PDB file of all heavy atoms in Angstrom:
ATOM      1  N   TRP A   1       0.824  -1.207   0.000  1.00  0.00           N
ATOM      2  CA  TRP A   1       0.000   0.000   0.000  1.00  0.00           C
ATOM      3  C   TRP A   1       0.858   1.256   0.000  1.00  0.00           C
ATOM      4  O   TRP A   1       1.748   1.422   0.833  1.00  0.00           O
ATOM      5  CB  TRP A   1      -0.925  -0.006   1.210  1.00  0.00           C
ATOM      6  CG  TRP A   1      -1.778   1.230   1.351  1.00  0.00           C
ATOM      7  CD1 TRP A   1      -1.762   2.136   2.363  1.00  0.00           C
ATOM      8  CD2 TRP A   1      -2.783   1.672   0.436  1.00  0.00           C
ATOM      9  NE1 TRP A   1      -2.691   3.123   2.143  1.00  0.00           N
ATOM     10  CE2 TRP A   1      -3.338   2.866   0.963  1.00  0.00           C
ATOM     11  CE3 TRP A   1      -3.263   1.182  -0.779  1.00  0.00           C
ATOM     12  CZ2 TRP A   1      -4.349   3.575   0.316  1.00  0.00           C
ATOM     13  CZ3 TRP A   1      -4.274   1.890  -1.435  1.00  0.00           C
ATOM     14  CH2 TRP A   1      -4.807   3.069  -0.886  1.00  0.00           C
ATOM     15  N   VAL A   2       0.579   2.164  -0.957  1.00  0.00           N
ATOM     16  CA  VAL A   2       1.209   3.480  -1.014  1.00  0.00           C
ATOM     17  C   VAL A   2       0.151   4.495  -0.583  1.00  0.00           C
ATOM     18  O   VAL A   2      -0.782   4.778  -1.340  1.00  0.00           O
ATOM     19  CB  VAL A   2       1.716   3.810  -2.430  1.00  0.00           C
ATOM     20  CG1 VAL A   2       2.294   5.221  -2.476  1.00  0.00           C
ATOM     21  CG2 VAL A   2       2.759   2.794  -2.884  1.00  0.00           C
ATOM     22  N   PRO A   3       0.231   5.029   0.635  1.00  0.00           N
ATOM     23  CA  PRO A   3      -0.796   5.976   1.082  1.00  0.00           C
ATOM     24  C   PRO A   3      -0.686   7.303   0.341  1.00  0.00           C
ATOM     25  O   PRO A   3       0.395   7.685  -0.134  1.00  0.00           O
ATOM     26  CB  PRO A   3      -0.508   6.142   2.571  1.00  0.00           C
ATOM     27  CG  PRO A   3       0.938   5.809   2.722  1.00  0.00           C
ATOM     28  CD  PRO A   3       1.254   4.779   1.681  1.00  0.00           C
ATOM     29  N   ALA A   4      -1.798   7.996   0.272  1.00  0.00           N
ATOM     30  CA  ALA A   4      -1.834   9.275  -0.432  1.00  0.00           C
ATOM     31  C   ALA A   4      -1.107  10.356   0.360  1.00  0.00           C
ATOM     32  O   ALA A   4      -1.041  10.322   1.591  1.00  0.00           O
ATOM     33  CB  ALA A   4      -3.279   9.698  -0.664  1.00  0.00           C
ATOM     34  N   ARG A   5      -0.549  11.308  -0.369  1.00  0.00           N
ATOM     35  CA  ARG A   5      -0.100  12.573   0.211  1.00  0.00           C
ATOM     36  C   ARG A   5      -0.950  13.662  -0.406  1.00  0.00           C
ATOM     37  O   ARG A   5      -1.024  13.795  -1.637  1.00  0.00           O
ATOM     38  CB  ARG A   5       1.381  12.822  -0.086  1.00  0.00           C
ATOM     39  CG  ARG A   5       2.323  12.170   0.909  1.00  0.00           C
ATOM     40  CD  ARG A   5       3.772  12.528   0.628  1.00  0.00           C
ATOM     41  NE  ARG A   5       3.951  13.967   0.497  1.00  0.00           N
ATOM     42  CZ  ARG A   5       5.029  14.524  -0.054  1.00  0.00           C
ATOM     43  NH1 ARG A   5       5.999  13.770  -0.539  1.00  0.00           N
ATOM     44  NH2 ARG A   5       5.139  15.830  -0.128  1.00  0.00           N
ATOM     45  N   ILE A   6      -1.607  14.430   0.457  1.00  0.00           N
ATOM     46  CA  ILE A   6      -2.661  15.339   0.002  1.00  0.00           C
ATOM     47  C   ILE A   6      -2.450  16.729   0.578  1.00  0.00           C
ATOM     48  O   ILE A   6      -2.134  16.892   1.761  1.00  0.00           O
ATOM     49  CB  ILE A   6      -4.045  14.782   0.415  1.00  0.00           C
ATOM     50  CG1 ILE A   6      -4.383  13.540  -0.425  1.00  0.00           C
ATOM     51  CG2 ILE A   6      -5.135  15.835   0.282  1.00  0.00           C
ATOM     52  CD1 ILE A   6      -5.572  12.765   0.060  1.00  0.00           C
ATOM     53  N   ASN A   7      -2.644  17.745  -0.258  1.00  0.00           N
ATOM     54  CA  ASN A   7      -2.642  19.139   0.172  1.00  0.00           C
ATOM     55  C   ASN A   7      -4.014  19.737  -0.102  1.00  0.00           C
ATOM     56  O   ASN A   7      -4.573  19.534  -1.184  1.00  0.00           O
ATOM     57  CB  ASN A   7      -1.602  19.953  -0.615  1.00  0.00           C
ATOM     58  CG  ASN A   7      -0.187  19.459  -0.402  1.00  0.00           C
ATOM     59  OD1 ASN A   7       0.218  19.190   0.709  1.00  0.00           O
ATOM     60  ND2 ASN A   7       0.568  19.342  -1.489  1.00  0.00           N
ATOM     61  N   PHE A   8      -4.559  20.453   0.885  1.00  0.00           N
ATOM     62  CA  PHE A   8      -5.727  21.257   0.529  1.00  0.00           C
ATOM     63  C   PHE A   8      -5.747  22.573   1.279  1.00  0.00           C
ATOM     64  O   PHE A   8      -5.076  22.752   2.297  1.00  0.00           O
ATOM     65  CB  PHE A   8      -7.040  20.477   0.629  1.00  0.00           C
ATOM     66  CG  PHE A   8      -7.545  20.084   1.983  1.00  0.00           C
ATOM     67  CD1 PHE A   8      -8.269  20.964   2.761  1.00  0.00           C
ATOM     68  CD2 PHE A   8      -7.369  18.791   2.454  1.00  0.00           C
ATOM     69  CE1 PHE A   8      -8.800  20.589   3.986  1.00  0.00           C
ATOM     70  CE2 PHE A   8      -7.893  18.389   3.667  1.00  0.00           C
ATOM     71  CZ  PHE A   8      -8.605  19.297   4.442  1.00  0.00           C
ATOM     72  N   THR A   9      -6.494  23.499   0.713  1.00  0.00           N
ATOM     73  CA  THR A   9      -6.384  24.885   1.141  1.00  0.00           C
ATOM     74  C   THR A   9      -7.738  25.578   1.153  1.00  0.00           C
ATOM     75  O   THR A   9      -8.654  25.186   0.436  1.00  0.00           O
ATOM     76  CB  THR A   9      -5.436  25.655   0.198  1.00  0.00           C
ATOM     77  OG1 THR A   9      -5.336  27.016   0.608  1.00  0.00           O
ATOM     78  CG2 THR A   9      -5.901  25.604  -1.237  1.00  0.00           C
ATOM     79  N   SER A  10      -7.841  26.590   2.006  1.00  0.00           N
ATOM     80  CA  SER A  10      -8.987  27.506   1.987  1.00  0.00           C
ATOM     81  C   SER A  10      -8.449  28.917   2.203  1.00  0.00           C
ATOM     82  O   SER A  10      -7.243  29.116   2.344  1.00  0.00           O
ATOM     83  CB  SER A  10     -10.012  27.148   3.068  1.00  0.00           C
ATOM     84  OG  SER A  10      -9.481  27.376   4.366  1.00  0.00           O
ATOM     85  N   LEU A  11      -9.348  29.887   2.233  1.00  0.00           N
ATOM     86  CA  LEU A  11      -8.936  31.291   2.304  1.00  0.00           C
ATOM     87  C   LEU A  11      -9.693  32.015   3.410  1.00  0.00           C
ATOM     88  O   LEU A  11     -10.358  33.019   3.190  1.00  0.00           O
ATOM     89  CB  LEU A  11      -9.173  31.982   0.951  1.00  0.00           C
ATOM     90  CG  LEU A  11      -8.266  31.430  -0.155  1.00  0.00           C
ATOM     91  CD1 LEU A  11      -9.015  31.339  -1.459  1.00  0.00           C
ATOM     92  CD2 LEU A  11      -7.045  32.314  -0.306  1.00  0.00           C
ATOM     93  N   ALA A  12      -9.579  31.507   4.610  1.00  0.00           N
ATOM     94  CA  ALA A  12     -10.333  32.075   5.720  1.00  0.00           C
ATOM     95  C   ALA A  12      -9.650  33.320   6.270  1.00  0.00           C
ATOM     96  O   ALA A  12      -8.423  33.381   6.385  1.00  0.00           O
ATOM     97  CB  ALA A  12     -10.477  31.048   6.837  1.00  0.00           C
ATOM     98  N   ARG A  13     -10.467  34.287   6.618  1.00  0.00           N
ATOM     99  CA  ARG A  13     -10.024  35.442   7.391  1.00  0.00           C
ATOM    100  C   ARG A  13     -10.860  35.422   8.663  1.00  0.00           C
ATOM    101  O   ARG A  13     -12.000  35.895   8.692  1.00  0.00           O
ATOM    102  CB  ARG A  13     -10.240  36.742   6.612  1.00  0.00           C
ATOM    103  CG  ARG A  13      -9.790  37.967   7.384  1.00  0.00           C
ATOM    104  CD  ARG A  13      -9.976  39.233   6.573  1.00  0.00           C
ATOM    105  NE  ARG A  13      -9.853  40.413   7.431  1.00  0.00           N
ATOM    106  CZ  ARG A  13      -9.958  41.650   6.988  1.00  0.00           C
ATOM    107  NH1 ARG A  13     -10.176  41.882   5.715  1.00  0.00           N
ATOM    108  NH2 ARG A  13      -9.850  42.660   7.824  1.00  0.00           N
ATOM    109  N   PRO A  14     -10.332  34.843   9.735  1.00  0.00           N
ATOM    110  CA  PRO A  14     -11.160  34.530  10.907  1.00  0.00           C
ATOM    111  C   PRO A  14     -11.819  35.725  11.573  1.00  0.00           C
ATOM    112  O   PRO A  14     -12.771  35.532  12.346  1.00  0.00           O
ATOM    113  CB  PRO A  14     -10.177  33.847  11.858  1.00  0.00           C
ATOM    114  CG  PRO A  14      -9.183  33.213  10.948  1.00  0.00           C
ATOM    115  CD  PRO A  14      -9.017  34.218   9.842  1.00  0.00           C
ATOM    116  N   ASP A  15     -11.349  36.946  11.343  1.00  0.00           N
ATOM    117  CA  ASP A  15     -11.991  38.095  11.974  1.00  0.00           C
ATOM    118  C   ASP A  15     -13.090  38.694  11.098  1.00  0.00           C
ATOM    119  O   ASP A  15     -13.644  39.746  11.419  1.00  0.00           O
ATOM    120  CB  ASP A  15     -10.953  39.172  12.318  1.00  0.00           C
ATOM    121  CG  ASP A  15     -10.164  39.641  11.113  1.00  0.00           C
ATOM    122  OD1 ASP A  15     -10.299  39.039  10.033  1.00  0.00           O
ATOM    123  OD2 ASP A  15      -9.398  40.616  11.250  1.00  0.00           O
ATOM    124  N   GLN A  16     -13.433  38.022  10.009  1.00  0.00           N
ATOM    125  CA  GLN A  16     -14.487  38.507   9.125  1.00  0.00           C
ATOM    126  C   GLN A  16     -15.760  37.715   9.361  1.00  0.00           C
ATOM    127  O   GLN A  16     -15.729  36.491   9.530  1.00  0.00           O
ATOM    128  CB  GLN A  16     -14.059  38.380   7.662  1.00  0.00           C
ATOM    129  CG  GLN A  16     -15.024  39.025   6.677  1.00  0.00           C
ATOM    130  CD  GLN A  16     -14.495  38.966   5.247  1.00  0.00           C
ATOM    131  OE1 GLN A  16     -13.884  37.982   4.850  1.00  0.00           O
ATOM    132  NE2 GLN A  16     -14.710  40.008   4.481  1.00  0.00           N
ATOM    133  N   LEU A  17     -16.903  38.419   9.395  1.00  0.00           N
ATOM    134  CA  LEU A  17     -18.196  37.779   9.596  1.00  0.00           C
ATOM    135  C   LEU A  17     -18.412  36.678   8.559  1.00  0.00           C
ATOM    136  O   LEU A  17     -18.206  36.886   7.373  1.00  0.00           O
ATOM    137  CB  LEU A  17     -19.318  38.815   9.489  1.00  0.00           C
ATOM    138  CG  LEU A  17     -20.748  38.296   9.660  1.00  0.00           C
ATOM    139  CD1 LEU A  17     -20.979  37.836  11.083  1.00  0.00           C
ATOM    140  CD2 LEU A  17     -21.761  39.373   9.271  1.00  0.00           C
ATOM    141  N   GLY A  18     -18.816  35.522   9.019  1.00  0.00           N
ATOM    142  CA  GLY A  18     -19.099  34.407   8.120  1.00  0.00           C
ATOM    143  C   GLY A  18     -17.903  33.536   7.817  1.00  0.00           C
ATOM    144  O   GLY A  18     -18.034  32.530   7.108  1.00  0.00           O
ATOM    145  N   SER A  19     -16.724  33.885   8.365  1.00  0.00           N
ATOM    146  CA  SER A  19     -15.520  33.113   8.038  1.00  0.00           C
ATOM    147  C   SER A  19     -15.601  31.693   8.596  1.00  0.00           C
ATOM    148  O   SER A  19     -15.086  30.754   7.987  1.00  0.00           O
ATOM    149  CB  SER A  19     -14.275  33.814   8.580  1.00  0.00           C
ATOM    150  OG  SER A  19     -14.284  33.850   9.997  1.00  0.00           O
ATOM    151  N   GLY A  20     -16.215  31.522   9.754  1.00  0.00           N
ATOM    152  CA  GLY A  20     -16.327  30.184  10.322  1.00  0.00           C
ATOM    153  C   GLY A  20     -17.211  29.293   9.477  1.00  0.00           C
ATOM    154  O   GLY A  20     -16.892  28.120   9.254  1.00  0.00           O
ATOM    155  N   ILE A  21     -18.311  29.844   8.995  1.00  0.00           N
ATOM    156  CA  ILE A  21     -19.231  29.068   8.161  1.00  0.00           C
ATOM    157  C   ILE A  21     -18.558  28.672   6.853  1.00  0.00           C
ATOM    158  O   ILE A  21     -18.597  27.512   6.432  1.00  0.00           O
ATOM    159  CB  ILE A  21     -20.514  29.881   7.900  1.00  0.00           C
ATOM    160  CG1 ILE A  21     -21.241  30.151   9.219  1.00  0.00           C
ATOM    161  CG2 ILE A  21     -21.423  29.159   6.908  1.00  0.00           C
ATOM    162  CD1 ILE A  21     -22.375  31.143   9.115  1.00  0.00           C
ATOM    163  N   SER A  22     -17.908  29.634   6.190  1.00  0.00           N
ATOM    164  CA  SER A  22     -17.237  29.319   4.931  1.00  0.00           C
ATOM    165  C   SER A  22     -16.023  28.432   5.176  1.00  0.00           C
ATOM    166  O   SER A  22     -15.703  27.556   4.353  1.00  0.00           O
ATOM    167  CB  SER A  22     -16.825  30.606   4.209  1.00  0.00           C
ATOM    168  OG  SER A  22     -15.917  31.365   4.985  1.00  0.00           O
ATOM    169  N   GLY A  23     -15.340  28.618   6.315  1.00  0.00           N
ATOM    170  CA  GLY A  23     -14.168  27.808   6.616  1.00  0.00           C
ATOM    171  C   GLY A  23     -14.507  26.344   6.813  1.00  0.00           C
ATOM    172  O   GLY A  23     -13.814  25.454   6.296  1.00  0.00           O
ATOM    173  N   ILE A  24     -15.561  26.079   7.566  1.00  0.00           N
ATOM    174  CA  ILE A  24     -15.917  24.675   7.800  1.00  0.00           C
ATOM    175  C   ILE A  24     -16.481  24.047   6.531  1.00  0.00           C
ATOM    176  O   ILE A  24     -16.288  22.851   6.273  1.00  0.00           O
ATOM    177  CB  ILE A  24     -16.892  24.527   8.989  1.00  0.00           C
ATOM    178  CG1 ILE A  24     -16.925  23.065   9.438  1.00  0.00           C
ATOM    179  CG2 ILE A  24     -18.287  25.027   8.652  1.00  0.00           C
ATOM    180  CD1 ILE A  24     -17.607  22.849  10.760  1.00  0.00           C
ATOM    181  N   ALA A  25     -17.143  24.851   5.693  1.00  0.00           N
ATOM    182  CA  ALA A  25     -17.630  24.322   4.417  1.00  0.00           C
ATOM    183  C   ALA A  25     -16.455  23.875   3.551  1.00  0.00           C
ATOM    184  O   ALA A  25     -16.515  22.828   2.893  1.00  0.00           O
ATOM    185  CB  ALA A  25     -18.455  25.376   3.691  1.00  0.00           C
ATOM    186  N   THR A  26     -15.371  24.647   3.552  1.00  0.00           N
ATOM    187  CA  THR A  26     -14.192  24.257   2.780  1.00  0.00           C
ATOM    188  C   THR A  26     -13.558  22.999   3.344  1.00  0.00           C
ATOM    189  O   THR A  26     -13.135  22.106   2.601  1.00  0.00           O
ATOM    190  CB  THR A  26     -13.166  25.403   2.748  1.00  0.00           C
ATOM    191  OG1 THR A  26     -13.774  26.553   2.170  1.00  0.00           O
ATOM    192  CG2 THR A  26     -11.944  25.020   1.942  1.00  0.00           C
ATOM    193  N   LEU A  27     -13.477  22.895   4.686  1.00  0.00           N
ATOM    194  CA  LEU A  27     -12.917  21.693   5.290  1.00  0.00           C
ATOM    195  C   LEU A  27     -13.711  20.444   4.898  1.00  0.00           C
ATOM    196  O   LEU A  27     -13.129  19.401   4.577  1.00  0.00           O
ATOM    197  CB  LEU A  27     -12.893  21.839   6.811  1.00  0.00           C
ATOM    198  CG  LEU A  27     -11.746  22.650   7.397  1.00  0.00           C
ATOM    199  CD1 LEU A  27     -12.033  22.989   8.854  1.00  0.00           C
ATOM    200  CD2 LEU A  27     -10.431  21.901   7.287  1.00  0.00           C
ATOM    201  N   PHE A  28     -15.028  20.526   4.931  1.00  0.00           N
ATOM    202  CA  PHE A  28     -15.844  19.373   4.561  1.00  0.00           C
ATOM    203  C   PHE A  28     -15.735  19.081   3.070  1.00  0.00           C
ATOM    204  O   PHE A  28     -15.677  17.913   2.661  1.00  0.00           O
ATOM    205  CB  PHE A  28     -17.312  19.615   4.940  1.00  0.00           C
ATOM    206  CG  PHE A  28     -17.646  19.147   6.334  1.00  0.00           C
ATOM    207  CD1 PHE A  28     -17.026  19.723   7.443  1.00  0.00           C
ATOM    208  CD2 PHE A  28     -18.569  18.145   6.556  1.00  0.00           C
ATOM    209  CE1 PHE A  28     -17.324  19.304   8.723  1.00  0.00           C
ATOM    210  CE2 PHE A  28     -18.879  17.713   7.832  1.00  0.00           C
ATOM    211  CZ  PHE A  28     -18.244  18.295   8.933  1.00  0.00           C
ATOM    212  N   HIS A  29     -15.682  20.142   2.254  1.00  0.00           N
ATOM    213  CA  HIS A  29     -15.626  19.938   0.804  1.00  0.00           C
ATOM    214  C   HIS A  29     -14.274  19.354   0.386  1.00  0.00           C
ATOM    215  O   HIS A  29     -14.209  18.280  -0.222  1.00  0.00           O
ATOM    216  CB  HIS A  29     -15.877  21.268   0.087  1.00  0.00           C
ATOM    217  CG  HIS A  29     -15.945  21.142  -1.400  1.00  0.00           C
ATOM    218  ND1 HIS A  29     -17.129  20.980  -2.071  1.00  0.00           N
ATOM    219  CD2 HIS A  29     -14.968  21.147  -2.354  1.00  0.00           C
ATOM    220  CE1 HIS A  29     -16.890  20.881  -3.367  1.00  0.00           C
ATOM    221  NE2 HIS A  29     -15.584  20.979  -3.574  1.00  0.00           N
ATOM    222  N   GLU A  30     -13.203  20.066   0.720  1.00  0.00           N
ATOM    223  CA  GLU A  30     -11.880  19.585   0.326  1.00  0.00           C
ATOM    224  C   GLU A  30     -11.504  18.316   1.099  1.00  0.00           C
ATOM    225  O   GLU A  30     -10.815  17.442   0.575  1.00  0.00           O
ATOM    226  CB  GLU A  30     -10.827  20.674   0.534  1.00  0.00           C
ATOM    227  CG  GLU A  30     -11.131  22.008  -0.161  1.00  0.00           C
ATOM    228  CD  GLU A  30     -11.352  21.893  -1.657  1.00  0.00           C
ATOM    229  OE1 GLU A  30     -10.947  20.878  -2.255  1.00  0.00           O
ATOM    230  OE2 GLU A  30     -11.942  22.824  -2.250  1.00  0.00           O
ATOM    231  N   GLY A  31     -11.981  18.212   2.354  1.00  0.00           N
ATOM    232  CA  GLY A  31     -11.768  16.984   3.105  1.00  0.00           C
ATOM    233  C   GLY A  31     -12.505  15.804   2.491  1.00  0.00           C
ATOM    234  O   GLY A  31     -12.046  14.658   2.576  1.00  0.00           O
ATOM    235  N   GLY A  32     -13.646  16.057   1.863  1.00  0.00           N
ATOM    236  CA  GLY A  32     -14.352  15.005   1.130  1.00  0.00           C
ATOM    237  C   GLY A  32     -13.556  14.533  -0.067  1.00  0.00           C
ATOM    238  O   GLY A  32     -13.474  13.331  -0.353  1.00  0.00           O
ATOM    239  N   HIS A  33     -12.972  15.501  -0.797  1.00  0.00           N
ATOM    240  CA  HIS A  33     -12.070  15.123  -1.889  1.00  0.00           C
ATOM    241  C   HIS A  33     -10.920  14.263  -1.357  1.00  0.00           C
ATOM    242  O   HIS A  33     -10.549  13.250  -1.950  1.00  0.00           O
ATOM    243  CB  HIS A  33     -11.474  16.380  -2.537  1.00  0.00           C
ATOM    244  CG  HIS A  33     -12.351  17.045  -3.538  1.00  0.00           C
ATOM    245  ND1 HIS A  33     -12.965  16.361  -4.559  1.00  0.00           N
ATOM    246  CD2 HIS A  33     -12.682  18.359  -3.704  1.00  0.00           C
ATOM    247  CE1 HIS A  33     -13.657  17.217  -5.310  1.00  0.00           C
ATOM    248  NE2 HIS A  33     -13.502  18.424  -4.810  1.00  0.00           N
ATOM    249  N   ALA A  34     -10.331  14.713  -0.250  1.00  0.00           N
ATOM    250  CA  ALA A  34      -9.182  13.996   0.312  1.00  0.00           C
ATOM    251  C   ALA A  34      -9.562  12.567   0.690  1.00  0.00           C
ATOM    252  O   ALA A  34      -8.805  11.620   0.425  1.00  0.00           O
ATOM    253  CB  ALA A  34      -8.649  14.753   1.533  1.00  0.00           C
ATOM    254  N   ALA A  35     -10.724  12.386   1.310  1.00  0.00           N
ATOM    255  CA  ALA A  35     -11.163  11.048   1.685  1.00  0.00           C
ATOM    256  C   ALA A  35     -11.330  10.166   0.457  1.00  0.00           C
ATOM    257  O   ALA A  35     -10.938   8.986   0.446  1.00  0.00           O
ATOM    258  CB  ALA A  35     -12.470  11.125   2.469  1.00  0.00           C
ATOM    259  N   HIS A  36     -11.916  10.732  -0.583  1.00  0.00           N
ATOM    260  CA  HIS A  36     -12.104   9.988  -1.831  1.00  0.00           C
ATOM    261  C   HIS A  36     -10.764   9.483  -2.361  1.00  0.00           C
ATOM    262  O   HIS A  36     -10.565   8.273  -2.579  1.00  0.00           O
ATOM    263  CB  HIS A  36     -12.786  10.907  -2.841  1.00  0.00           C
ATOM    264  CG  HIS A  36     -12.837  10.383  -4.236  1.00  0.00           C
ATOM    265  ND1 HIS A  36     -12.983  11.204  -5.327  1.00  0.00           N
ATOM    266  CD2 HIS A  36     -12.732   9.121  -4.740  1.00  0.00           C
ATOM    267  CE1 HIS A  36     -12.988  10.475  -6.421  1.00  0.00           C
ATOM    268  NE2 HIS A  36     -12.838   9.214  -6.106  1.00  0.00           N
ATOM    269  N   PHE A  37      -9.814  10.404  -2.542  1.00  0.00           N
ATOM    270  CA  PHE A  37      -8.557  10.021  -3.190  1.00  0.00           C
ATOM    271  C   PHE A  37      -7.629   9.237  -2.265  1.00  0.00           C
ATOM    272  O   PHE A  37      -6.704   8.582  -2.741  1.00  0.00           O
ATOM    273  CB  PHE A  37      -7.870  11.254  -3.762  1.00  0.00           C
ATOM    274  CG  PHE A  37      -8.555  11.781  -5.000  1.00  0.00           C
ATOM    275  CD1 PHE A  37      -9.386  12.891  -4.944  1.00  0.00           C
ATOM    276  CD2 PHE A  37      -8.406  11.128  -6.206  1.00  0.00           C
ATOM    277  CE1 PHE A  37     -10.045  13.347  -6.076  1.00  0.00           C
ATOM    278  CE2 PHE A  37      -9.063  11.574  -7.343  1.00  0.00           C
ATOM    279  CZ  PHE A  37      -9.880  12.689  -7.286  1.00  0.00           C
ATOM    280  N   ALA A  38      -7.883   9.280  -0.967  1.00  0.00           N
ATOM    281  CA  ALA A  38      -7.106   8.461  -0.041  1.00  0.00           C
ATOM    282  C   ALA A  38      -7.617   7.025   0.035  1.00  0.00           C
ATOM    283  O   ALA A  38      -6.939   6.157   0.574  1.00  0.00           O
ATOM    284  CB  ALA A  38      -7.123   9.084   1.356  1.00  0.00           C
ATOM    285  N   ASN A  39      -8.809   6.774  -0.499  1.00  0.00           N
ATOM    286  CA  ASN A  39      -9.441   5.465  -0.367  1.00  0.00           C
ATOM    287  C   ASN A  39      -9.504   4.675  -1.664  1.00  0.00           C
ATOM    288  O   ASN A  39     -10.127   3.607  -1.701  1.00  0.00           O
ATOM    289  CB  ASN A  39     -10.863   5.628   0.190  1.00  0.00           C
ATOM    290  CG  ASN A  39     -10.884   5.754   1.704  1.00  0.00           C
ATOM    291  OD1 ASN A  39     -10.762   4.760   2.404  1.00  0.00           O
ATOM    292  ND2 ASN A  39     -11.012   6.971   2.206  1.00  0.00           N
ATOM    293  N   ILE A  40      -8.915   5.181  -2.730  1.00  0.00           N
ATOM    294  CA  ILE A  40      -8.906   4.428  -3.988  1.00  0.00           C
ATOM    295  C   ILE A  40      -7.873   3.308  -3.873  1.00  0.00           C
ATOM    296  O   ILE A  40      -6.695   3.564  -3.634  1.00  0.00           O
ATOM    297  CB  ILE A  40      -8.594   5.361  -5.177  1.00  0.00           C
ATOM    298  CG1 ILE A  40      -9.718   6.404  -5.322  1.00  0.00           C
ATOM    299  CG2 ILE A  40      -8.442   4.559  -6.469  1.00  0.00           C
ATOM    300  CD1 ILE A  40      -9.417   7.507  -6.315  1.00  0.00           C
TER     301      ILE A  40
END
């Protein structure tokens, strides 16, 4: 087994209104991609 090496990114500015909502959405979205490609 060769495990995946994965990079993912978002653009949060934590002192801006709505950053937590958009930040967690990116984690779930890009983290979903990561789970997919780590499990092939």
